[in-house]
Protein backbone atom coordinates (compact mmCIF):
# COMPACT_ATOMS: atom_id res chain seq x y z
CA MET A 1 99.89 112.18 81.41
CA GLU A 2 100.05 116.22 80.92
CA MET A 3 98.98 117.71 77.93
CA ASN A 4 101.41 119.42 75.32
CA GLU A 5 102.13 123.25 75.16
CA LYS A 6 99.41 124.75 72.51
CA THR A 7 99.12 127.96 71.31
CA SER A 8 96.54 129.47 69.12
CA ASN A 9 97.11 132.30 66.84
CA ASN A 10 94.19 134.67 65.60
CA THR A 11 95.58 137.65 64.92
CA ALA A 12 97.05 136.73 61.54
CA ASN A 13 95.43 139.25 58.52
CA VAL A 14 94.35 141.58 60.92
CA HIS A 15 97.00 143.45 62.00
CA ASN A 16 100.56 144.32 61.70
CA PRO A 17 101.83 143.88 65.70
CA SER A 18 104.64 146.56 64.86
CA GLU A 19 101.58 148.50 63.92
CA MET A 20 99.69 147.98 67.14
CA LEU A 21 98.66 150.49 69.87
CA LEU A 22 97.92 147.77 72.48
CA SER A 23 98.40 144.60 73.86
CA VAL A 24 97.06 142.72 76.77
CA SER A 25 97.96 140.09 78.32
CA ILE A 26 95.73 137.92 81.09
CA VAL A 27 97.32 135.10 82.73
CA MET A 28 94.66 132.59 83.88
CA TYR A 29 94.49 129.15 86.02
CA ARG A 30 91.72 126.69 85.07
CA ASN A 31 89.20 129.45 85.70
CA TYR A 32 87.47 129.75 82.37
CA GLU A 33 84.17 131.09 82.74
CA GLU A 34 85.89 133.88 84.38
CA ALA A 35 88.40 134.71 81.93
CA TRP A 36 85.75 134.28 79.07
CA ASP A 37 83.47 137.51 80.96
CA THR A 38 86.82 139.61 80.68
CA VAL A 39 87.66 138.65 77.42
CA ALA A 40 84.25 139.86 76.50
CA SER A 41 83.96 142.71 78.20
CA ILE A 42 87.50 144.02 76.89
CA GLU A 43 85.99 143.00 73.12
CA GLN A 44 82.52 144.69 74.01
CA TYR A 45 83.84 148.02 75.23
CA THR A 46 87.02 148.65 73.51
CA SER A 47 86.54 151.10 70.63
CA ASP A 48 87.76 150.14 67.13
CA CYS A 49 89.81 153.41 67.10
CA ILE A 50 92.44 150.76 69.67
CA SER A 51 94.47 148.64 67.42
CA LYS A 52 94.89 145.63 69.57
CA CYS A 53 96.14 142.34 70.51
CA ILE A 54 95.27 140.22 73.70
CA TYR A 55 96.94 137.36 74.60
CA ILE A 56 95.87 134.85 77.08
CA ILE A 57 98.19 132.87 78.92
CA ASP A 58 96.54 129.53 79.91
CA ASN A 59 98.94 127.84 83.16
CA SER A 60 96.18 125.46 83.98
CA ALA A 61 98.38 122.34 83.45
CA LEU A 62 95.34 119.88 82.94
CA LEU A 63 95.96 116.42 82.98
CA ASP A 64 93.90 113.97 80.49
CA SER A 65 92.35 112.84 83.69
CA ASP A 66 90.38 116.25 83.94
CA LYS A 67 87.82 115.71 81.72
CA GLU A 68 85.64 118.20 83.12
CA MET A 69 88.16 121.07 83.34
CA LEU A 70 89.11 119.65 79.73
CA GLU A 71 85.48 120.45 78.13
CA SER A 72 85.38 124.01 79.91
CA LYS A 73 88.83 124.76 77.97
CA SER A 74 87.98 123.29 74.74
CA ILE A 75 84.25 125.42 74.87
CA PHE A 76 86.83 128.53 75.88
CA GLU A 77 89.21 127.76 72.80
CA GLU A 78 86.12 127.88 70.90
CA LYS A 79 84.34 131.17 71.78
CA LEU A 80 87.55 132.62 71.74
CA LYS A 81 87.50 132.23 67.78
CA GLN A 82 85.04 134.53 67.14
CA PHE A 83 87.40 137.37 67.88
CA LEU A 84 90.72 137.56 65.54
CA ASP A 85 92.79 139.64 67.86
CA ILE A 86 93.13 137.07 70.45
CA THR A 87 96.14 134.64 71.17
CA TYR A 88 96.11 131.86 73.05
CA ILE A 89 98.78 130.27 74.42
CA TYR A 90 98.39 126.85 76.75
CA THR A 91 101.63 126.79 78.67
CA GLY A 92 101.23 123.20 80.16
CA GLU A 93 102.51 123.93 83.18
CA ASN A 94 101.34 126.70 86.17
CA LYS A 95 104.20 128.98 85.89
CA GLY A 96 103.35 131.59 87.94
CA PHE A 97 101.90 134.87 87.72
CA GLY A 98 104.79 137.10 86.60
CA LYS A 99 106.60 134.59 84.43
CA GLY A 100 103.32 133.77 82.47
CA HIS A 101 102.98 137.33 81.81
CA ASN A 102 106.51 137.18 80.81
CA VAL A 103 105.95 134.70 78.02
CA VAL A 104 105.04 136.89 75.63
CA LEU A 105 107.30 139.64 76.81
CA LYS A 106 109.39 139.58 73.44
CA LEU A 107 106.46 139.06 71.26
CA ILE A 108 104.94 142.38 72.06
CA GLN A 109 105.63 145.35 69.84
CA SER A 110 102.55 147.55 71.27
CA LYS A 111 102.96 151.10 72.37
CA TYR A 112 101.30 149.97 75.50
CA HIS A 113 100.96 147.15 77.47
CA ALA A 114 97.94 146.32 79.91
CA ILE A 115 98.21 143.52 82.38
CA VAL A 116 94.84 142.43 83.37
CA ASN A 117 93.83 139.69 85.54
CA PRO A 118 90.63 137.04 84.70
CA ASP A 119 88.47 138.62 87.32
CA ILE A 120 88.20 142.12 85.90
CA LEU A 121 85.25 143.41 84.19
CA LEU A 122 85.32 146.61 81.82
CA SER A 123 82.51 148.85 81.64
CA GLU A 124 83.34 151.61 79.21
CA ASP A 125 86.59 151.98 77.34
CA SER A 126 88.95 152.52 79.59
CA PHE A 127 91.97 151.82 77.50
CA LYS A 128 91.21 154.75 75.31
CA LYS A 129 91.01 156.99 78.54
CA ILE A 130 94.22 155.26 79.83
CA VAL A 131 96.03 155.72 76.64
CA ASP A 132 94.67 159.64 76.07
CA TYR A 133 95.88 160.16 79.50
CA MET A 134 99.34 158.77 78.93
CA ASN A 135 100.14 160.37 75.91
CA GLN A 136 99.86 163.85 77.30
CA ASP A 137 102.10 163.26 79.75
CA LEU A 138 105.51 161.35 78.82
CA SER A 139 106.85 161.02 82.22
CA ILE A 140 103.94 158.32 83.40
CA GLY A 141 105.29 154.75 83.39
CA MET A 142 102.52 153.07 84.20
CA VAL A 143 98.84 153.72 85.22
CA ILE A 144 96.01 151.97 87.54
CA PRO A 145 92.42 153.04 87.16
CA LYS A 146 89.63 152.97 89.80
CA LEU A 147 89.53 149.22 90.76
CA LEU A 148 85.91 148.95 92.23
CA ASP A 149 84.16 145.84 93.98
CA GLN A 150 80.49 144.60 93.16
CA ASN A 151 79.31 147.20 95.32
CA GLY A 152 81.31 150.15 93.43
CA GLU A 153 83.50 151.05 96.21
CA ILE A 154 87.19 151.85 95.78
CA GLN A 155 89.35 148.68 96.51
CA LYS A 156 92.24 149.55 98.74
CA ALA A 157 94.52 148.79 96.05
CA TYR A 158 96.90 151.71 96.51
CA ARG A 159 99.40 151.67 98.77
CA ARG A 160 102.63 153.42 99.85
CA GLU A 161 106.22 151.85 100.18
CA LEU A 162 105.77 148.22 101.82
CA THR A 163 107.44 147.67 104.54
CA LYS A 164 107.58 144.43 106.97
CA THR A 165 105.37 146.08 109.63
CA ASP A 166 102.70 146.94 107.13
CA LEU A 167 102.57 143.62 105.90
CA PHE A 168 102.23 141.73 108.82
CA LEU A 169 99.65 143.98 109.85
CA ARG A 170 97.38 143.39 106.86
CA MET A 171 97.82 139.50 106.86
CA PHE A 172 97.43 138.85 110.44
CA VAL A 173 95.82 141.71 112.25
CA LYS A 174 92.28 142.34 111.51
CA VAL A 175 91.53 144.39 114.42
CA GLY A 176 93.24 147.96 115.21
CA PHE A 177 95.98 149.72 114.09
CA LYS A 178 93.65 151.65 111.95
CA LYS A 179 95.96 154.74 111.25
CA ARG A 180 98.60 152.98 109.97
CA LYS A 181 96.89 150.51 107.74
CA ASP A 182 94.68 153.89 106.50
CA PHE A 183 97.59 155.49 105.90
CA HIS A 184 99.52 152.19 104.25
CA THR A 185 96.96 151.96 101.74
CA MET A 186 96.46 155.96 101.02
CA GLN A 187 93.04 156.45 102.58
CA ASP A 188 93.87 160.18 102.80
CA MET A 189 94.37 161.07 99.23
CA ASP A 190 91.97 163.00 97.00
CA TYR A 191 90.47 160.12 95.05
CA ALA A 192 89.04 162.59 92.72
CA LYS A 193 92.27 163.28 91.55
CA PRO A 194 95.51 161.67 89.79
CA PHE A 195 98.38 160.85 92.21
CA GLN A 196 101.63 158.87 92.07
CA VAL A 197 101.33 155.24 93.95
CA PRO A 198 104.52 153.63 95.13
CA PHE A 199 102.69 150.30 95.30
CA ALA A 200 99.84 149.66 92.92
CA GLN A 201 97.86 146.35 93.22
CA GLY A 202 98.87 144.38 89.81
CA SER A 203 95.38 143.26 88.48
CA PHE A 204 94.79 146.04 86.03
CA LEU A 205 98.16 147.76 84.91
CA VAL A 206 98.91 149.77 81.37
CA ILE A 207 102.31 150.23 81.04
CA ARG A 208 105.02 151.93 78.61
CA THR A 209 105.85 148.63 76.41
CA SER A 210 109.25 149.57 76.08
CA LEU A 211 109.55 150.50 79.48
CA LEU A 212 108.35 147.07 80.09
CA GLN A 213 111.02 145.55 78.15
CA GLU A 214 113.80 147.67 78.96
CA LEU A 215 112.91 146.54 83.02
CA GLY A 216 112.51 142.57 81.88
CA GLY A 217 109.04 142.39 82.90
CA PHE A 218 108.23 141.17 85.94
CA ASP A 219 111.09 139.46 88.25
CA ASP A 220 110.73 135.58 87.91
CA ARG A 221 111.74 135.18 91.45
CA PHE A 222 108.19 135.94 92.43
CA PHE A 223 105.99 132.96 91.62
CA MET A 224 102.97 134.68 92.97
CA TYR A 225 102.21 137.88 95.11
CA MET A 226 105.00 141.01 95.51
CA GLU A 227 105.33 140.65 91.83
CA ASP A 228 103.35 144.00 91.51
CA ALA A 229 105.37 145.68 94.40
CA ASP A 230 108.56 144.98 92.84
CA LEU A 231 107.97 146.18 89.07
CA CYS A 232 106.08 149.38 90.77
CA LYS A 233 109.22 150.29 92.55
CA ARG A 234 111.32 149.39 89.30
CA VAL A 235 108.62 151.67 87.31
CA ASN A 236 108.70 154.76 89.75
CA ALA A 237 112.87 154.61 89.73
CA VAL A 238 112.88 155.89 86.26
CA SER A 239 109.63 157.14 85.87
CA LYS A 240 106.12 157.41 87.47
CA VAL A 241 103.47 154.90 88.34
CA MET A 242 99.78 157.10 88.46
CA TYR A 243 96.67 156.23 89.79
CA TYR A 244 94.33 157.77 87.14
CA PRO A 245 90.52 158.36 88.20
CA GLY A 246 89.33 159.31 84.41
CA THR A 247 87.68 155.53 84.47
CA ALA A 248 87.02 152.72 86.70
CA VAL A 249 86.87 148.60 86.55
CA PHE A 250 85.34 146.09 88.45
CA HIS A 251 87.65 143.89 90.14
CA LYS A 252 86.54 140.48 91.80
CA TRP A 253 89.15 140.30 94.59
CA GLU A 254 89.52 136.97 96.05
CA LYS A 255 92.61 137.77 98.63
CA GLY A 256 93.11 134.14 98.19
CA SER A 257 96.21 134.00 100.87
CA HIS A 258 93.85 135.43 103.35
CA LYS A 259 91.99 131.99 102.64
CA SER A 260 94.56 129.44 101.90
CA PHE A 261 97.40 128.37 104.11
CA ARG A 262 99.05 127.18 101.05
CA LEU A 263 98.73 130.56 98.94
CA MET A 264 99.84 132.31 102.40
CA ARG A 265 102.82 130.65 102.18
CA ILE A 266 103.59 131.55 98.86
CA HIS A 267 102.61 134.97 99.81
CA LEU A 268 105.34 134.55 103.04
CA HIS A 269 108.16 133.36 101.00
CA SER A 270 107.50 136.34 98.09
CA ALA A 271 107.70 138.93 101.16
CA SER A 272 110.78 137.31 102.17
CA GLU A 273 112.35 137.49 98.37
CA TYR A 274 111.33 141.11 98.26
CA PHE A 275 112.61 142.28 101.42
CA LYS A 276 115.67 140.31 100.94
CA LYS A 277 116.05 141.82 96.97
CA TRP A 278 115.75 145.35 98.25
CA ASN A 279 118.16 145.23 100.93
CA ASP A 280 116.08 144.15 103.72
CA HIS A 281 113.97 147.36 103.79
CA ALA A 282 113.64 149.03 107.18
CA ASP A 283 110.38 149.91 108.43
CA GLY A 284 109.10 153.58 108.37
CA ASN A 285 106.01 155.28 109.48
């Protein structure tokens, strides 16, 4: 028996949503401890001058028989109660990444909206730095900061226009074609300076809320994977997606589709939908 959808809103009597500077959405799936670490780091490092509301969209779709996971969920919900700016939404189904984030698309009334994975950790007030940067240039629609791995190395999360060749090389060819791979992942750029990004990996993005709503959020045709490439393409058509080196966040990047046949099939299906949507985009150098 599947559990009913549950929404727990702790934002009442704290801020008027229409006065929020920042809203944050975190879509999670059965990873309660990891998601808690993300939430705790946001609460710890985001200064009080940033009025915010955090939406946690739980796609775990638990059954009554999932005793251990249900206990983790209960502990997680109890921990969240210590923060008054959190809205917890249990969807009761695995809606996927983009559709999960879209759950709050009509609810948010902030100036900026952050799309955050539940495997992100802040170590400084990254949101304030990004908001200050975006306030200075209205031509910037969306920002991705430095994404660091657990060793402090910059991840290859910044890519040029996606082609079938680059996707194939990334997924199936582990050795060789270094020059092509490095060009696609923008290894020739100066990461000490801002630059425009055609395809920013979607684990931590800050976008102008009005722009996200005008674009209709993520495209629901992508259950998981490629929704970030699609969103970046649409943002760059009317604005700019910028890499901003003024702050860094840590990202535990699992690259699940490289390890799971099921996730690889989902990834390939999403890729097919992406290239179909964008007129079967031709390969280029």
